[in-house]
Amino acid sequence: MFVIFGTTSRKIEEEKGYFVCPQCQVLRPYVLASMQTWFTLFFIPLFPVGEKNNRHVECKECSTTFYPRVLDFNRYTVDGQILGEESQVTT
């Protein structure tokens, strides 16, 4: 009987939202993700091994990846609204 084991890497999505993509130059959806190594048995991932690494931000439109610091000055919420924007009531 053969036992086939090994490791594989999978992308783990940590956060979603909107940001101004440096490549597209407009408001786009993004995913903050990292890579995780998994132990496999018969090609089935069973449990994570080690730490998450290669944390990156990926634009969902152009698929360009950026360092997470691109989100440092992000002013948009998950639904694309500007943070701190107050609705003006006219009377």
N, C-alpha and C. Protein backbone atom coordinates (compact mmCIF):
# COMPACT_ATOMS: atom_id res chain seq x y z
N MET A 1 0.84 -1.17 0.00
CA MET A 1 0.00 0.00 0.00
C MET A 1 0.90 1.25 0.00
N PHE A 2 0.55 2.21 -0.83
CA PHE A 2 1.28 3.46 -0.91
C PHE A 2 0.54 4.54 -0.13
N VAL A 3 1.31 5.34 0.59
CA VAL A 3 0.77 6.50 1.28
C VAL A 3 1.38 7.72 0.62
N ILE A 4 0.53 8.58 0.08
CA ILE A 4 0.98 9.78 -0.61
C ILE A 4 0.71 10.98 0.29
N PHE A 5 1.80 11.66 0.68
CA PHE A 5 1.65 12.84 1.52
C PHE A 5 2.60 13.92 1.02
N GLY A 6 2.33 15.14 1.45
CA GLY A 6 3.16 16.26 1.03
C GLY A 6 2.58 17.56 1.54
N THR A 7 2.91 18.65 0.86
CA THR A 7 2.39 19.97 1.22
C THR A 7 1.91 20.70 -0.02
N THR A 8 1.04 21.64 0.20
CA THR A 8 0.56 22.52 -0.87
C THR A 8 0.31 23.90 -0.28
N SER A 9 0.29 24.90 -1.11
CA SER A 9 0.01 26.26 -0.65
C SER A 9 -1.38 26.68 -1.12
N ARG A 10 -2.08 27.41 -0.25
CA ARG A 10 -3.41 27.91 -0.58
C ARG A 10 -3.49 29.38 -0.21
N LYS A 11 -4.28 30.12 -0.99
CA LYS A 11 -4.50 31.54 -0.71
C LYS A 11 -5.63 31.67 0.30
N ILE A 12 -5.36 32.43 1.37
CA ILE A 12 -6.34 32.68 2.42
C ILE A 12 -6.78 34.14 2.30
N GLU A 13 -8.06 34.37 2.07
CA GLU A 13 -8.58 35.74 1.99
C GLU A 13 -8.91 36.22 3.40
N GLU A 14 -8.31 37.36 3.78
CA GLU A 14 -8.48 37.88 5.14
C GLU A 14 -9.46 39.04 5.22
N GLU A 15 -9.51 39.86 4.19
CA GLU A 15 -10.32 41.08 4.24
C GLU A 15 -10.71 41.48 2.82
N LYS A 16 -11.88 42.09 2.69
CA LYS A 16 -12.35 42.61 1.40
C LYS A 16 -12.78 44.04 1.59
N GLY A 17 -12.79 44.80 0.50
CA GLY A 17 -13.24 46.18 0.57
C GLY A 17 -12.98 46.90 -0.73
N TYR A 18 -12.96 48.22 -0.66
CA TYR A 18 -12.71 49.07 -1.84
C TYR A 18 -11.52 49.97 -1.56
N PHE A 19 -10.74 50.25 -2.59
CA PHE A 19 -9.62 51.18 -2.48
C PHE A 19 -9.36 51.78 -3.85
N VAL A 20 -8.59 52.85 -3.87
CA VAL A 20 -8.20 53.45 -5.15
C VAL A 20 -6.97 52.69 -5.63
N CYS A 21 -7.14 51.89 -6.66
CA CYS A 21 -6.07 51.05 -7.19
C CYS A 21 -4.99 51.92 -7.84
N PRO A 22 -3.72 51.76 -7.44
CA PRO A 22 -2.65 52.55 -8.07
C PRO A 22 -2.48 52.25 -9.56
N GLN A 23 -2.86 51.06 -9.99
CA GLN A 23 -2.74 50.70 -11.40
C GLN A 23 -3.91 51.24 -12.22
N CYS A 24 -5.13 51.05 -11.72
CA CYS A 24 -6.34 51.48 -12.45
C CYS A 24 -6.63 52.98 -12.27
N GLN A 25 -6.18 53.56 -11.15
CA GLN A 25 -6.39 54.96 -10.81
C GLN A 25 -7.86 55.31 -10.53
N VAL A 26 -8.68 54.31 -10.19
CA VAL A 26 -10.08 54.53 -9.82
C VAL A 26 -10.43 53.61 -8.65
N LEU A 27 -11.62 53.82 -8.09
CA LEU A 27 -12.09 53.00 -6.98
C LEU A 27 -12.40 51.59 -7.45
N ARG A 28 -11.77 50.60 -6.84
CA ARG A 28 -11.94 49.20 -7.23
C ARG A 28 -12.05 48.32 -5.99
N PRO A 29 -12.69 47.14 -6.12
CA PRO A 29 -12.71 46.19 -5.00
C PRO A 29 -11.35 45.53 -4.84
N TYR A 30 -11.00 45.18 -3.60
CA TYR A 30 -9.74 44.51 -3.33
C TYR A 30 -9.94 43.33 -2.39
N VAL A 31 -8.93 42.47 -2.33
CA VAL A 31 -8.87 41.38 -1.37
C VAL A 31 -7.51 41.41 -0.71
N LEU A 32 -7.48 41.42 0.62
CA LEU A 32 -6.24 41.29 1.37
C LEU A 32 -6.06 39.81 1.65
N ALA A 33 -4.99 39.22 1.14
CA ALA A 33 -4.80 37.77 1.24
C ALA A 33 -3.37 37.43 1.64
N SER A 34 -3.19 36.20 2.07
CA SER A 34 -1.86 35.67 2.35
C SER A 34 -1.83 34.20 1.95
N MET A 35 -0.63 33.66 1.87
CA MET A 35 -0.46 32.26 1.48
C MET A 35 -0.22 31.42 2.73
N GLN A 36 -0.79 30.21 2.75
CA GLN A 36 -0.65 29.29 3.88
C GLN A 36 -0.27 27.92 3.33
N THR A 37 0.74 27.29 3.93
CA THR A 37 1.16 25.94 3.55
C THR A 37 0.32 24.93 4.33
N TRP A 38 -0.18 23.90 3.63
CA TRP A 38 -1.02 22.87 4.23
C TRP A 38 -0.40 21.49 4.04
N PHE A 39 -0.52 20.64 5.05
CA PHE A 39 -0.12 19.24 4.94
C PHE A 39 -1.21 18.50 4.17
N THR A 40 -0.81 17.67 3.21
CA THR A 40 -1.80 16.92 2.43
C THR A 40 -1.58 15.41 2.58
N LEU A 41 -2.65 14.68 2.53
CA LEU A 41 -2.63 13.22 2.54
C LEU A 41 -3.53 12.76 1.40
N PHE A 42 -2.96 12.06 0.45
CA PHE A 42 -3.67 11.66 -0.77
C PHE A 42 -4.25 12.88 -1.48
N PHE A 43 -3.46 13.96 -1.53
CA PHE A 43 -3.78 15.21 -2.21
C PHE A 43 -4.94 15.99 -1.58
N ILE A 44 -5.30 15.65 -0.36
CA ILE A 44 -6.36 16.36 0.37
C ILE A 44 -5.71 17.20 1.47
N PRO A 45 -5.87 18.54 1.44
CA PRO A 45 -5.30 19.38 2.50
C PRO A 45 -5.98 19.09 3.84
N LEU A 46 -5.17 18.76 4.86
CA LEU A 46 -5.73 18.39 6.15
C LEU A 46 -5.61 19.49 7.20
N PHE A 47 -4.41 20.07 7.36
CA PHE A 47 -4.24 21.11 8.37
C PHE A 47 -3.10 22.03 7.96
N PRO A 48 -3.15 23.29 8.43
CA PRO A 48 -2.10 24.25 8.07
C PRO A 48 -0.79 23.94 8.78
N VAL A 49 0.31 24.22 8.08
CA VAL A 49 1.65 24.01 8.63
C VAL A 49 2.40 25.33 8.55
N GLY A 50 2.98 25.77 9.64
CA GLY A 50 3.76 27.00 9.62
C GLY A 50 2.89 28.24 9.68
N GLU A 51 3.52 29.36 9.33
CA GLU A 51 2.85 30.65 9.41
C GLU A 51 2.30 31.08 8.06
N LYS A 52 1.36 32.03 8.12
CA LYS A 52 0.91 32.68 6.89
C LYS A 52 2.04 33.57 6.42
N ASN A 53 2.26 33.64 5.12
CA ASN A 53 3.29 34.52 4.59
C ASN A 53 2.83 35.12 3.28
N ASN A 54 3.64 36.01 2.73
CA ASN A 54 3.34 36.67 1.46
C ASN A 54 2.01 37.41 1.51
N ARG A 55 1.82 38.23 2.54
CA ARG A 55 0.58 39.02 2.67
C ARG A 55 0.57 40.09 1.59
N HIS A 56 -0.55 40.19 0.88
CA HIS A 56 -0.63 41.13 -0.24
C HIS A 56 -2.07 41.58 -0.47
N VAL A 57 -2.20 42.70 -1.19
CA VAL A 57 -3.50 43.25 -1.59
C VAL A 57 -3.63 43.01 -3.08
N GLU A 58 -4.77 42.47 -3.48
CA GLU A 58 -5.00 42.18 -4.90
C GLU A 58 -6.22 42.94 -5.39
N CYS A 59 -6.04 43.70 -6.46
CA CYS A 59 -7.15 44.40 -7.11
C CYS A 59 -7.99 43.36 -7.83
N LYS A 60 -9.30 43.35 -7.60
CA LYS A 60 -10.18 42.36 -8.22
C LYS A 60 -10.44 42.62 -9.69
N GLU A 61 -10.16 43.84 -10.17
CA GLU A 61 -10.40 44.17 -11.57
C GLU A 61 -9.19 43.88 -12.45
N CYS A 62 -8.02 44.38 -12.06
CA CYS A 62 -6.83 44.22 -12.91
C CYS A 62 -5.92 43.09 -12.43
N SER A 63 -6.21 42.49 -11.27
CA SER A 63 -5.44 41.38 -10.69
C SER A 63 -4.00 41.74 -10.34
N THR A 64 -3.69 43.02 -10.23
CA THR A 64 -2.37 43.45 -9.81
C THR A 64 -2.26 43.31 -8.29
N THR A 65 -1.09 42.88 -7.81
CA THR A 65 -0.89 42.74 -6.37
C THR A 65 0.00 43.86 -5.86
N PHE A 66 -0.27 44.27 -4.61
CA PHE A 66 0.45 45.37 -3.98
C PHE A 66 0.81 44.97 -2.55
N TYR A 67 1.78 45.69 -1.97
CA TYR A 67 2.09 45.52 -0.56
C TYR A 67 0.90 46.02 0.26
N PRO A 68 0.66 45.45 1.46
CA PRO A 68 -0.47 45.88 2.28
C PRO A 68 -0.45 47.35 2.66
N ARG A 69 0.71 48.00 2.63
CA ARG A 69 0.77 49.42 3.01
C ARG A 69 -0.01 50.32 2.06
N VAL A 70 -0.43 49.79 0.91
CA VAL A 70 -1.25 50.58 -0.02
C VAL A 70 -2.60 50.93 0.62
N LEU A 71 -2.99 50.18 1.66
CA LEU A 71 -4.27 50.43 2.34
C LEU A 71 -4.14 51.41 3.51
N ASP A 72 -2.92 51.89 3.79
CA ASP A 72 -2.72 52.78 4.95
C ASP A 72 -3.60 54.02 4.90
N PHE A 73 -3.80 54.58 3.74
CA PHE A 73 -4.60 55.81 3.63
C PHE A 73 -5.93 55.55 2.93
N ASN A 74 -6.39 54.30 3.00
CA ASN A 74 -7.68 53.95 2.40
C ASN A 74 -8.80 54.64 3.16
N ARG A 75 -9.66 55.35 2.45
CA ARG A 75 -10.76 56.09 3.08
C ARG A 75 -12.12 55.53 2.72
N TYR A 76 -12.18 54.27 2.29
CA TYR A 76 -13.44 53.70 1.83
C TYR A 76 -13.84 52.50 2.68
N THR A 77 -15.15 52.36 2.89
CA THR A 77 -15.69 51.25 3.66
C THR A 77 -15.86 50.04 2.76
N VAL A 78 -16.35 48.95 3.33
CA VAL A 78 -16.54 47.70 2.59
C VAL A 78 -17.52 47.87 1.43
N ASP A 79 -18.51 48.75 1.58
CA ASP A 79 -19.49 48.94 0.52
C ASP A 79 -19.14 50.09 -0.42
N GLY A 80 -17.95 50.67 -0.27
CA GLY A 80 -17.50 51.70 -1.21
C GLY A 80 -17.81 53.13 -0.81
N GLN A 81 -18.38 53.34 0.37
CA GLN A 81 -18.69 54.69 0.83
C GLN A 81 -17.44 55.32 1.45
N ILE A 82 -17.33 56.62 1.38
CA ILE A 82 -16.19 57.33 1.96
C ILE A 82 -16.35 57.39 3.48
N LEU A 83 -15.27 57.03 4.21
CA LEU A 83 -15.30 57.10 5.67
C LEU A 83 -15.43 58.53 6.12
N GLY A 84 -16.24 58.77 7.13
CA GLY A 84 -16.38 60.10 7.68
C GLY A 84 -17.25 61.03 6.86
N GLU A 85 -17.83 60.52 5.79
CA GLU A 85 -18.69 61.37 4.96
C GLU A 85 -20.03 61.53 5.67
N GLU A 86 -20.38 62.73 5.94
CA GLU A 86 -21.65 63.00 6.62
C GLU A 86 -22.69 63.38 5.58
N SER A 87 -23.85 62.82 5.73
CA SER A 87 -24.90 63.19 4.80
C SER A 87 -25.44 64.56 5.18
N GLN A 88 -25.56 65.41 4.20
CA GLN A 88 -26.03 66.76 4.44
C GLN A 88 -27.55 66.79 4.31
N VAL A 89 -28.17 67.36 5.31
CA VAL A 89 -29.61 67.46 5.34
C VAL A 89 -29.98 68.89 4.99
N THR A 90 -30.75 69.05 3.93
CA THR A 90 -31.19 70.40 3.55
C THR A 90 -32.59 70.63 4.10
N THR A 91 -32.75 71.77 4.71
CA THR A 91 -34.08 72.08 5.27
C THR A 91 -34.67 73.29 4.63
